[in-house]
PDB file of all heavy atoms in Angstrom:
ATOM      1  N   PHE A   1     -27.999   8.635  -2.193  1.00  0.00           N
ATOM      2  CA  PHE A   1     -28.118   8.617  -0.818  1.00  0.00           C
ATOM      3  C   PHE A   1     -26.878   8.579  -0.065  1.00  0.00           C
ATOM      4  O   PHE A   1     -26.127   7.640  -0.103  1.00  0.00           O
ATOM      5  CB  PHE A   1     -29.008   7.361  -0.430  1.00  0.00           C
ATOM      6  CG  PHE A   1     -30.267   7.292  -1.243  1.00  0.00           C
ATOM      7  CD1 PHE A   1     -30.492   6.167  -2.103  1.00  0.00           C
ATOM      8  CD2 PHE A   1     -31.246   8.213  -1.103  1.00  0.00           C
ATOM      9  CE1 PHE A   1     -31.830   6.090  -2.845  1.00  0.00           C
ATOM     10  CE2 PHE A   1     -32.488   8.132  -1.732  1.00  0.00           C
ATOM     11  CZ  PHE A   1     -32.706   7.089  -2.583  1.00  0.00           C
ATOM     12  N   ARG A   2     -26.579   9.674   0.735  1.00  0.00           N
ATOM     13  CA  ARG A   2     -25.268   9.705   1.384  1.00  0.00           C
ATOM     14  C   ARG A   2     -24.062   9.431   0.525  1.00  0.00           C
ATOM     15  O   ARG A   2     -23.140   8.756   0.954  1.00  0.00           O
ATOM     16  CB  ARG A   2     -25.316   8.861   2.637  1.00  0.00           C
ATOM     17  CG  ARG A   2     -26.234   9.278   3.704  1.00  0.00           C
ATOM     18  CD  ARG A   2     -25.783  10.466   4.549  1.00  0.00           C
ATOM     19  NE  ARG A   2     -26.388  10.688   5.708  1.00  0.00           N
ATOM     20  CZ  ARG A   2     -26.042  11.528   6.730  1.00  0.00           C
ATOM     21  NH1 ARG A   2     -24.916  12.173   6.538  1.00  0.00           N
ATOM     22  NH2 ARG A   2     -26.831  11.755   7.753  1.00  0.00           N
ATOM     23  N   GLY A   3     -24.201   9.896  -0.756  1.00  0.00           N
ATOM     24  CA  GLY A   3     -23.168   9.673  -1.681  1.00  0.00           C
ATOM     25  C   GLY A   3     -23.225   8.449  -2.500  1.00  0.00           C
ATOM     26  O   GLY A   3     -22.466   8.268  -3.420  1.00  0.00           O
ATOM     27  N   TYR A   4     -24.157   7.505  -2.223  1.00  0.00           N
ATOM     28  CA  TYR A   4     -24.273   6.227  -2.910  1.00  0.00           C
ATOM     29  C   TYR A   4     -25.384   6.416  -4.006  1.00  0.00           C
ATOM     30  O   TYR A   4     -26.491   6.798  -3.540  1.00  0.00           O
ATOM     31  CB  TYR A   4     -24.575   5.120  -1.951  1.00  0.00           C
ATOM     32  CG  TYR A   4     -23.493   4.796  -1.049  1.00  0.00           C
ATOM     33  CD1 TYR A   4     -23.401   5.326   0.251  1.00  0.00           C
ATOM     34  CD2 TYR A   4     -22.394   3.947  -1.482  1.00  0.00           C
ATOM     35  CE1 TYR A   4     -22.357   4.935   1.149  1.00  0.00           C
ATOM     36  CE2 TYR A   4     -21.281   3.623  -0.530  1.00  0.00           C
ATOM     37  CZ  TYR A   4     -21.315   4.181   0.706  1.00  0.00           C
ATOM     38  OH  TYR A   4     -20.308   4.007   1.606  1.00  0.00           O
ATOM     39  N   SER A   5     -25.120   5.933  -5.179  1.00  0.00           N
ATOM     40  CA  SER A   5     -26.164   5.949  -6.202  1.00  0.00           C
ATOM     41  C   SER A   5     -27.103   4.653  -5.896  1.00  0.00           C
ATOM     42  O   SER A   5     -26.829   3.846  -5.115  1.00  0.00           O
ATOM     43  CB  SER A   5     -25.552   5.702  -7.602  1.00  0.00           C
ATOM     44  OG  SER A   5     -24.998   4.342  -7.746  1.00  0.00           O
ATOM     45  N   ILE A   6     -28.244   4.769  -6.675  1.00  0.00           N
ATOM     46  CA  ILE A   6     -29.206   3.692  -6.491  1.00  0.00           C
ATOM     47  C   ILE A   6     -28.657   2.306  -6.821  1.00  0.00           C
ATOM     48  O   ILE A   6     -28.729   1.294  -6.100  1.00  0.00           O
ATOM     49  CB  ILE A   6     -30.596   3.914  -7.268  1.00  0.00           C
ATOM     50  CG1 ILE A   6     -31.367   4.986  -6.531  1.00  0.00           C
ATOM     51  CG2 ILE A   6     -31.330   2.699  -7.463  1.00  0.00           C
ATOM     52  CD1 ILE A   6     -32.678   5.336  -7.181  1.00  0.00           C
ATOM     53  N   PRO A   7     -27.933   2.205  -7.974  1.00  0.00           N
ATOM     54  CA  PRO A   7     -27.267   0.815  -8.285  1.00  0.00           C
ATOM     55  C   PRO A   7     -26.364   0.412  -7.157  1.00  0.00           C
ATOM     56  O   PRO A   7     -26.246  -0.790  -6.759  1.00  0.00           O
ATOM     57  CB  PRO A   7     -26.575   1.119  -9.513  1.00  0.00           C
ATOM     58  CG  PRO A   7     -27.347   2.177 -10.234  1.00  0.00           C
ATOM     59  CD  PRO A   7     -27.804   3.128  -9.112  1.00  0.00           C
ATOM     60  N   GLU A   8     -25.492   1.333  -6.599  1.00  0.00           N
ATOM     61  CA  GLU A   8     -24.617   1.094  -5.444  1.00  0.00           C
ATOM     62  C   GLU A   8     -25.405   0.513  -4.281  1.00  0.00           C
ATOM     63  O   GLU A   8     -24.983  -0.350  -3.595  1.00  0.00           O
ATOM     64  CB  GLU A   8     -23.739   2.283  -5.173  1.00  0.00           C
ATOM     65  CG  GLU A   8     -22.667   2.611  -6.203  1.00  0.00           C
ATOM     66  CD  GLU A   8     -22.026   3.969  -6.055  1.00  0.00           C
ATOM     67  OE1 GLU A   8     -22.549   4.862  -5.484  1.00  0.00           O
ATOM     68  OE2 GLU A   8     -20.867   4.059  -6.656  1.00  0.00           O
ATOM     69  N   CYS A   9     -26.553   1.239  -3.987  1.00  0.00           N
ATOM     70  CA  CYS A   9     -27.377   0.857  -2.878  1.00  0.00           C
ATOM     71  C   CYS A   9     -27.886  -0.504  -3.020  1.00  0.00           C
ATOM     72  O   CYS A   9     -27.945  -1.308  -2.059  1.00  0.00           O
ATOM     73  CB  CYS A   9     -28.538   1.836  -2.625  1.00  0.00           C
ATOM     74  SG  CYS A   9     -27.955   3.449  -1.853  1.00  0.00           S
ATOM     75  N   GLN A  10     -28.327  -0.793  -4.324  1.00  0.00           N
ATOM     76  CA  GLN A  10     -28.849  -2.148  -4.627  1.00  0.00           C
ATOM     77  C   GLN A  10     -27.810  -3.221  -4.417  1.00  0.00           C
ATOM     78  O   GLN A  10     -28.049  -4.332  -3.950  1.00  0.00           O
ATOM     79  CB  GLN A  10     -29.365  -2.190  -5.993  1.00  0.00           C
ATOM     80  CG  GLN A  10     -30.611  -1.441  -6.184  1.00  0.00           C
ATOM     81  CD  GLN A  10     -31.097  -1.639  -7.701  1.00  0.00           C
ATOM     82  OE1 GLN A  10     -30.578  -0.988  -8.560  1.00  0.00           O
ATOM     83  NE2 GLN A  10     -32.156  -2.413  -7.869  1.00  0.00           N
ATOM     84  N   GLN A  11     -26.484  -2.906  -4.552  1.00  0.00           N
ATOM     85  CA  GLN A  11     -25.434  -3.762  -4.481  1.00  0.00           C
ATOM     86  C   GLN A  11     -24.945  -3.950  -2.957  1.00  0.00           C
ATOM     87  O   GLN A  11     -24.796  -5.029  -2.492  1.00  0.00           O
ATOM     88  CB  GLN A  11     -24.321  -3.421  -5.389  1.00  0.00           C
ATOM     89  CG  GLN A  11     -23.046  -4.294  -5.268  1.00  0.00           C
ATOM     90  CD  GLN A  11     -21.909  -3.836  -6.041  1.00  0.00           C
ATOM     91  OE1 GLN A  11     -21.922  -2.827  -6.773  1.00  0.00           O
ATOM     92  NE2 GLN A  11     -20.752  -4.502  -5.866  1.00  0.00           N
ATOM     93  N   LEU A  12     -24.937  -2.791  -2.257  1.00  0.00           N
ATOM     94  CA  LEU A  12     -24.317  -2.735  -0.961  1.00  0.00           C
ATOM     95  C   LEU A  12     -25.199  -3.012   0.247  1.00  0.00           C
ATOM     96  O   LEU A  12     -24.681  -3.572   1.300  1.00  0.00           O
ATOM     97  CB  LEU A  12     -23.485  -1.375  -0.761  1.00  0.00           C
ATOM     98  CG  LEU A  12     -22.363  -1.140  -1.778  1.00  0.00           C
ATOM     99  CD1 LEU A  12     -21.906   0.349  -1.605  1.00  0.00           C
ATOM    100  CD2 LEU A  12     -21.199  -2.127  -1.483  1.00  0.00           C
ATOM    101  N   LEU A  13     -26.425  -2.508   0.171  1.00  0.00           N
ATOM    102  CA  LEU A  13     -27.273  -2.678   1.236  1.00  0.00           C
ATOM    103  C   LEU A  13     -27.733  -4.138   1.452  1.00  0.00           C
ATOM    104  O   LEU A  13     -27.994  -4.870   0.597  1.00  0.00           O
ATOM    105  CB  LEU A  13     -28.506  -1.764   0.973  1.00  0.00           C
ATOM    106  CG  LEU A  13     -28.248  -0.240   1.074  1.00  0.00           C
ATOM    107  CD1 LEU A  13     -29.604   0.477   0.850  1.00  0.00           C
ATOM    108  CD2 LEU A  13     -27.639   0.199   2.500  1.00  0.00           C
ATOM    109  N   PRO A  14     -27.866  -4.487   2.844  1.00  0.00           N
ATOM    110  CA  PRO A  14     -28.301  -5.816   3.064  1.00  0.00           C
ATOM    111  C   PRO A  14     -29.587  -6.224   2.537  1.00  0.00           C
ATOM    112  O   PRO A  14     -30.456  -5.305   2.157  1.00  0.00           O
ATOM    113  CB  PRO A  14     -28.408  -5.740   4.670  1.00  0.00           C
ATOM    114  CG  PRO A  14     -27.356  -4.685   5.111  1.00  0.00           C
ATOM    115  CD  PRO A  14     -27.494  -3.634   4.020  1.00  0.00           C
ATOM    116  N   LYS A  15     -29.765  -7.400   2.243  1.00  0.00           N
ATOM    117  CA  LYS A  15     -31.014  -7.973   1.600  1.00  0.00           C
ATOM    118  C   LYS A  15     -31.569  -9.106   2.492  1.00  0.00           C
ATOM    119  O   LYS A  15     -30.940  -9.662   3.350  1.00  0.00           O
ATOM    120  CB  LYS A  15     -30.671  -8.562   0.278  1.00  0.00           C
ATOM    121  CG  LYS A  15     -30.027  -7.455  -0.628  1.00  0.00           C
ATOM    122  CD  LYS A  15     -29.451  -8.021  -1.857  1.00  0.00           C
ATOM    123  CE  LYS A  15     -28.832  -6.995  -2.795  1.00  0.00           C
ATOM    124  NZ  LYS A  15     -27.666  -6.395  -2.130  1.00  0.00           N
ATOM    125  N   ALA A  16     -32.891  -9.342   2.336  1.00  0.00           N
ATOM    126  CA  ALA A  16     -33.467 -10.465   2.928  1.00  0.00           C
ATOM    127  C   ALA A  16     -32.854 -11.782   2.439  1.00  0.00           C
ATOM    128  O   ALA A  16     -32.319 -11.969   1.415  1.00  0.00           O
ATOM    129  CB  ALA A  16     -35.020 -10.534   2.723  1.00  0.00           C
ATOM    130  N   ALA A  17     -33.064 -12.863   3.355  1.00  0.00           N
ATOM    131  CA  ALA A  17     -32.337 -14.139   3.082  1.00  0.00           C
ATOM    132  C   ALA A  17     -32.959 -14.736   1.761  1.00  0.00           C
ATOM    133  O   ALA A  17     -32.193 -15.358   1.054  1.00  0.00           O
ATOM    134  CB  ALA A  17     -32.492 -15.119   4.238  1.00  0.00           C
ATOM    135  N   ASP A  18     -34.209 -14.388   1.497  1.00  0.00           N
ATOM    136  CA  ASP A  18     -34.760 -14.903   0.308  1.00  0.00           C
ATOM    137  C   ASP A  18     -34.979 -13.925  -0.821  1.00  0.00           C
ATOM    138  O   ASP A  18     -35.800 -14.094  -1.795  1.00  0.00           O
ATOM    139  CB  ASP A  18     -36.236 -15.567   0.667  1.00  0.00           C
ATOM    140  CG  ASP A  18     -37.171 -14.485   1.269  1.00  0.00           C
ATOM    141  OD1 ASP A  18     -36.535 -13.331   1.664  1.00  0.00           O
ATOM    142  OD2 ASP A  18     -38.306 -14.551   1.411  1.00  0.00           O
ATOM    143  N   GLY A  19     -34.283 -12.794  -0.680  1.00  0.00           N
ATOM    144  CA  GLY A  19     -34.538 -11.646  -1.574  1.00  0.00           C
ATOM    145  C   GLY A  19     -33.155 -11.158  -2.276  1.00  0.00           C
ATOM    146  O   GLY A  19     -32.099 -11.461  -1.909  1.00  0.00           O
ATOM    147  N   ALA A  20     -33.429 -10.398  -3.376  1.00  0.00           N
ATOM    148  CA  ALA A  20     -32.331  -9.721  -4.047  1.00  0.00           C
ATOM    149  C   ALA A  20     -32.288  -8.261  -4.012  1.00  0.00           C
ATOM    150  O   ALA A  20     -31.331  -7.575  -4.465  1.00  0.00           O
ATOM    151  CB  ALA A  20     -32.299 -10.157  -5.518  1.00  0.00           C
ATOM    152  N   GLU A  21     -33.445  -7.565  -3.473  1.00  0.00           N
ATOM    153  CA  GLU A  21     -33.515  -6.201  -3.423  1.00  0.00           C
ATOM    154  C   GLU A  21     -33.126  -5.633  -2.133  1.00  0.00           C
ATOM    155  O   GLU A  21     -33.218  -6.420  -1.082  1.00  0.00           O
ATOM    156  CB  GLU A  21     -34.943  -5.762  -3.686  1.00  0.00           C
ATOM    157  CG  GLU A  21     -35.422  -6.137  -5.164  1.00  0.00           C
ATOM    158  CD  GLU A  21     -34.666  -5.412  -6.334  1.00  0.00           C
ATOM    159  OE1 GLU A  21     -33.994  -4.475  -5.974  1.00  0.00           O
ATOM    160  OE2 GLU A  21     -34.683  -5.990  -7.392  1.00  0.00           O
ATOM    161  N   PRO A  22     -32.669  -4.416  -1.967  1.00  0.00           N
ATOM    162  CA  PRO A  22     -32.187  -3.890  -0.720  1.00  0.00           C
ATOM    163  C   PRO A  22     -33.304  -3.733   0.184  1.00  0.00           C
ATOM    164  O   PRO A  22     -34.472  -3.457  -0.144  1.00  0.00           O
ATOM    165  CB  PRO A  22     -31.569  -2.516  -1.123  1.00  0.00           C
ATOM    166  CG  PRO A  22     -32.229  -2.162  -2.387  1.00  0.00           C
ATOM    167  CD  PRO A  22     -32.471  -3.481  -3.150  1.00  0.00           C
ATOM    168  N   LEU A  23     -33.073  -3.850   1.470  1.00  0.00           N
ATOM    169  CA  LEU A  23     -34.130  -3.737   2.591  1.00  0.00           C
ATOM    170  C   LEU A  23     -34.104  -2.193   2.971  1.00  0.00           C
ATOM    171  O   LEU A  23     -33.061  -1.562   3.233  1.00  0.00           O
ATOM    172  CB  LEU A  23     -33.707  -4.521   3.750  1.00  0.00           C
ATOM    173  CG  LEU A  23     -33.892  -6.031   3.756  1.00  0.00           C
ATOM    174  CD1 LEU A  23     -33.293  -6.721   4.852  1.00  0.00           C
ATOM    175  CD2 LEU A  23     -35.348  -6.393   3.515  1.00  0.00           C
ATOM    176  N   PRO A  24     -35.402  -1.611   2.988  1.00  0.00           N
ATOM    177  CA  PRO A  24     -35.440  -0.217   3.408  1.00  0.00           C
ATOM    178  C   PRO A  24     -34.842   0.076   4.732  1.00  0.00           C
ATOM    179  O   PRO A  24     -34.379   1.228   5.010  1.00  0.00           O
ATOM    180  CB  PRO A  24     -37.025   0.073   3.396  1.00  0.00           C
ATOM    181  CG  PRO A  24     -37.460  -0.979   2.426  1.00  0.00           C
ATOM    182  CD  PRO A  24     -36.651  -2.228   2.675  1.00  0.00           C
ATOM    183  N   GLU A  25     -34.862  -0.906   5.605  1.00  0.00           N
ATOM    184  CA  GLU A  25     -34.194  -0.687   7.021  1.00  0.00           C
ATOM    185  C   GLU A  25     -32.684  -0.284   6.866  1.00  0.00           C
ATOM    186  O   GLU A  25     -32.261   0.561   7.505  1.00  0.00           O
ATOM    187  CB  GLU A  25     -34.354  -1.979   7.796  1.00  0.00           C
ATOM    188  CG  GLU A  25     -35.769  -2.360   8.193  1.00  0.00           C
ATOM    189  CD  GLU A  25     -36.435  -3.203   7.285  1.00  0.00           C
ATOM    190  OE1 GLU A  25     -36.186  -3.118   6.107  1.00  0.00           O
ATOM    191  OE2 GLU A  25     -37.106  -4.201   7.725  1.00  0.00           O
ATOM    192  N   GLY A  26     -32.077  -1.021   5.828  1.00  0.00           N
ATOM    193  CA  GLY A  26     -30.605  -0.577   5.562  1.00  0.00           C
ATOM    194  C   GLY A  26     -30.438   0.788   5.017  1.00  0.00           C
ATOM    195  O   GLY A  26     -29.607   1.577   5.405  1.00  0.00           O
ATOM    196  N   LEU A  27     -31.424   1.217   4.145  1.00  0.00           N
ATOM    197  CA  LEU A  27     -31.400   2.541   3.548  1.00  0.00           C
ATOM    198  C   LEU A  27     -31.599   3.498   4.686  1.00  0.00           C
ATOM    199  O   LEU A  27     -31.008   4.629   4.707  1.00  0.00           O
ATOM    200  CB  LEU A  27     -32.442   2.652   2.566  1.00  0.00           C
ATOM    201  CG  LEU A  27     -32.428   3.862   1.474  1.00  0.00           C
ATOM    202  CD1 LEU A  27     -33.061   5.068   2.169  1.00  0.00           C
ATOM    203  CD2 LEU A  27     -31.081   4.130   1.029  1.00  0.00           C
ATOM    204  N   PHE A  28     -32.560   3.299   5.596  1.00  0.00           N
ATOM    205  CA  PHE A  28     -32.734   4.217   6.748  1.00  0.00           C
ATOM    206  C   PHE A  28     -31.463   4.354   7.639  1.00  0.00           C
ATOM    207  O   PHE A  28     -31.174   5.533   7.928  1.00  0.00           O
ATOM    208  CB  PHE A  28     -33.919   3.813   7.601  1.00  0.00           C
ATOM    209  CG  PHE A  28     -34.248   4.738   8.808  1.00  0.00           C
ATOM    210  CD1 PHE A  28     -34.797   5.989   8.490  1.00  0.00           C
ATOM    211  CD2 PHE A  28     -34.051   4.363  10.080  1.00  0.00           C
ATOM    212  CE1 PHE A  28     -35.144   6.847   9.483  1.00  0.00           C
ATOM    213  CE2 PHE A  28     -34.267   5.221  11.122  1.00  0.00           C
ATOM    214  CZ  PHE A  28     -34.960   6.474  10.789  1.00  0.00           C
ATOM    215  N   TRP A  29     -30.821   3.300   7.917  1.00  0.00           N
ATOM    216  CA  TRP A  29     -29.597   3.331   8.602  1.00  0.00           C
ATOM    217  C   TRP A  29     -28.535   4.186   7.896  1.00  0.00           C
ATOM    218  O   TRP A  29     -27.892   4.981   8.442  1.00  0.00           O
ATOM    219  CB  TRP A  29     -29.112   1.972   8.826  1.00  0.00           C
ATOM    220  CG  TRP A  29     -27.735   1.833   9.739  1.00  0.00           C
ATOM    221  CD1 TRP A  29     -26.594   2.255   9.428  1.00  0.00           C
ATOM    222  CD2 TRP A  29     -27.798   1.273  11.064  1.00  0.00           C
ATOM    223  NE1 TRP A  29     -25.726   2.065  10.491  1.00  0.00           N
ATOM    224  CE2 TRP A  29     -26.470   1.523  11.504  1.00  0.00           C
ATOM    225  CE3 TRP A  29     -28.696   0.668  11.919  1.00  0.00           C
ATOM    226  CZ2 TRP A  29     -26.026   1.035  12.844  1.00  0.00           C
ATOM    227  CZ3 TRP A  29     -28.322   0.175  13.206  1.00  0.00           C
ATOM    228  CH2 TRP A  29     -27.040   0.404  13.571  1.00  0.00           C
ATOM    229  N   LEU A  30     -28.525   4.030   6.572  1.00  0.00           N
ATOM    230  CA  LEU A  30     -27.523   4.793   5.793  1.00  0.00           C
ATOM    231  C   LEU A  30     -27.929   6.169   5.655  1.00  0.00           C
ATOM    232  O   LEU A  30     -27.002   7.112   5.942  1.00  0.00           O
ATOM    233  CB  LEU A  30     -27.536   4.277   4.335  1.00  0.00           C
ATOM    234  CG  LEU A  30     -26.687   5.035   3.260  1.00  0.00           C
ATOM    235  CD1 LEU A  30     -25.253   4.990   3.572  1.00  0.00           C
ATOM    236  CD2 LEU A  30     -26.938   4.503   1.887  1.00  0.00           C
ATOM    237  N   LEU A  31     -29.153   6.572   5.630  1.00  0.00           N
ATOM    238  CA  LEU A  31     -29.681   7.960   5.663  1.00  0.00           C
ATOM    239  C   LEU A  31     -29.259   8.685   6.969  1.00  0.00           C
ATOM    240  O   LEU A  31     -28.883   9.789   7.067  1.00  0.00           O
ATOM    241  CB  LEU A  31     -31.102   7.974   5.347  1.00  0.00           C
ATOM    242  CG  LEU A  31     -31.564   7.692   3.952  1.00  0.00           C
ATOM    243  CD1 LEU A  31     -33.182   7.848   3.905  1.00  0.00           C
ATOM    244  CD2 LEU A  31     -30.849   8.555   2.908  1.00  0.00           C
ATOM    245  N   CYS A  32     -29.476   7.930   8.128  1.00  0.00           N
ATOM    246  CA  CYS A  32     -29.170   8.415   9.395  1.00  0.00           C
ATOM    247  C   CYS A  32     -27.767   8.676   9.692  1.00  0.00           C
ATOM    248  O   CYS A  32     -27.286   9.610  10.318  1.00  0.00           O
ATOM    249  CB  CYS A  32     -29.864   7.539  10.475  1.00  0.00           C
ATOM    250  SG  CYS A  32     -31.664   7.738  10.644  1.00  0.00           S
ATOM    251  N   THR A  33     -26.965   7.718   9.202  1.00  0.00           N
ATOM    252  CA  THR A  33     -25.504   7.668   9.733  1.00  0.00           C
ATOM    253  C   THR A  33     -24.467   7.854   8.595  1.00  0.00           C
ATOM    254  O   THR A  33     -23.362   8.260   8.928  1.00  0.00           O
ATOM    255  CB  THR A  33     -25.176   6.262  10.364  1.00  0.00           C
ATOM    256  OG1 THR A  33     -25.181   5.290   9.320  1.00  0.00           O
ATOM    257  CG2 THR A  33     -26.203   5.847  11.423  1.00  0.00           C
ATOM    258  N   GLY A  34     -24.771   7.693   7.382  1.00  0.00           N
ATOM    259  CA  GLY A  34     -23.842   7.874   6.336  1.00  0.00           C
ATOM    260  C   GLY A  34     -23.014   6.582   6.086  1.00  0.00           C
ATOM    261  O   GLY A  34     -22.150   6.526   5.344  1.00  0.00           O
ATOM    262  N   LYS A  35     -23.405   5.540   6.820  1.00  0.00           N
ATOM    263  CA  LYS A  35     -22.691   4.260   6.876  1.00  0.00           C
ATOM    264  C   LYS A  35     -23.602   3.130   6.358  1.00  0.00           C
ATOM    265  O   LYS A  35     -24.717   3.057   6.775  1.00  0.00           O
ATOM    266  CB  LYS A  35     -22.083   3.916   8.216  1.00  0.00           C
ATOM    267  CG  LYS A  35     -21.188   4.996   8.765  1.00  0.00           C
ATOM    268  CD  LYS A  35     -20.683   4.639  10.230  1.00  0.00           C
ATOM    269  CE  LYS A  35     -19.787   5.650  10.815  1.00  0.00           C
ATOM    270  NZ  LYS A  35     -19.378   5.284  12.175  1.00  0.00           N
ATOM    271  N   VAL A  36     -22.804   2.258   5.535  1.00  0.00           N
ATOM    272  CA  VAL A  36     -23.620   1.038   5.105  1.00  0.00           C
ATOM    273  C   VAL A  36     -23.716   0.071   6.305  1.00  0.00           C
ATOM    274  O   VAL A  36     -22.701  -0.375   6.877  1.00  0.00           O
ATOM    275  CB  VAL A  36     -22.901   0.354   3.921  1.00  0.00           C
ATOM    276  CG1 VAL A  36     -23.632  -1.024   3.562  1.00  0.00           C
ATOM    277  CG2 VAL A  36     -22.931   1.325   2.659  1.00  0.00           C
ATOM    278  N   PRO A  37     -24.962  -0.353   6.675  1.00  0.00           N
ATOM    279  CA  PRO A  37     -25.041  -1.235   7.862  1.00  0.00           C
ATOM    280  C   PRO A  37     -24.734  -2.600   7.548  1.00  0.00           C
ATOM    281  O   PRO A  37     -24.742  -3.223   6.372  1.00  0.00           O
ATOM    282  CB  PRO A  37     -26.538  -1.012   8.219  1.00  0.00           C
ATOM    283  CG  PRO A  37     -27.188  -0.832   6.936  1.00  0.00           C
ATOM    284  CD  PRO A  37     -26.243  -0.011   6.106  1.00  0.00           C
ATOM    285  N   THR A  38     -24.491  -3.369   8.682  1.00  0.00           N
ATOM    286  CA  THR A  38     -24.312  -4.860   8.564  1.00  0.00           C
ATOM    287  C   THR A  38     -25.685  -5.508   8.411  1.00  0.00           C
ATOM    288  O   THR A  38     -26.749  -4.948   8.773  1.00  0.00           O
ATOM    289  CB  THR A  38     -23.457  -5.391   9.670  1.00  0.00           C
ATOM    290  OG1 THR A  38     -24.249  -5.152  10.884  1.00  0.00           O
ATOM    291  CG2 THR A  38     -22.137  -4.628   9.875  1.00  0.00           C
ATOM    292  N   ASP A  39     -25.705  -6.796   8.113  1.00  0.00           N
ATOM    293  CA  ASP A  39     -26.884  -7.597   8.160  1.00  0.00           C
ATOM    294  C   ASP A  39     -27.549  -7.662   9.500  1.00  0.00           C
ATOM    295  O   ASP A  39     -28.730  -7.497   9.695  1.00  0.00           O
ATOM    296  CB  ASP A  39     -26.612  -9.062   7.668  1.00  0.00           C
ATOM    297  CG  ASP A  39     -26.213  -9.164   6.177  1.00  0.00           C
ATOM    298  OD1 ASP A  39     -26.464  -8.225   5.484  1.00  0.00           O
ATOM    299  OD2 ASP A  39     -25.865 -10.205   5.811  1.00  0.00           O
ATOM    300  N   GLU A  40     -26.696  -7.832  10.582  1.00  0.00           N
ATOM    301  CA  GLU A  40     -27.103  -7.729  11.960  1.00  0.00           C
ATOM    302  C   GLU A  40     -27.858  -6.445  12.351  1.00  0.00           C
ATOM    303  O   GLU A  40     -28.822  -6.450  12.950  1.00  0.00           O
ATOM    304  CB  GLU A  40     -26.049  -8.212  12.844  1.00  0.00           C
ATOM    305  CG  GLU A  40     -26.398  -8.271  14.352  1.00  0.00           C
ATOM    306  CD  GLU A  40     -27.564  -9.355  14.537  1.00  0.00           C
ATOM    307  OE1 GLU A  40     -27.497 -10.428  13.679  1.00  0.00           O
ATOM    308  OE2 GLU A  40     -28.298  -9.308  15.467  1.00  0.00           O
ATOM    309  N   GLN A  41     -27.137  -5.434  11.943  1.00  0.00           N
ATOM    310  CA  GLN A  41     -27.686  -4.106  12.284  1.00  0.00           C
ATOM    311  C   GLN A  41     -29.147  -3.911  11.595  1.00  0.00           C
ATOM    312  O   GLN A  41     -30.044  -3.305  12.240  1.00  0.00           O
ATOM    313  CB  GLN A  41     -26.780  -2.992  11.907  1.00  0.00           C
ATOM    314  CG  GLN A  41     -25.541  -2.843  12.761  1.00  0.00           C
ATOM    315  CD  GLN A  41     -24.400  -2.040  12.215  1.00  0.00           C
ATOM    316  OE1 GLN A  41     -24.311  -1.815  10.967  1.00  0.00           O
ATOM    317  NE2 GLN A  41     -23.706  -1.330  13.147  1.00  0.00           N
TER     318      GLN A  41
END
């Protein structure tokens, strides 16, 4: 995804406060922009 593998996305994308898996919202931001979003974004 925009150059990032699934393991890299699992590591880099923001997660819920009570979770360990990446949030799809962050993946959508990455797909749209090519940038890893912040928690606030």
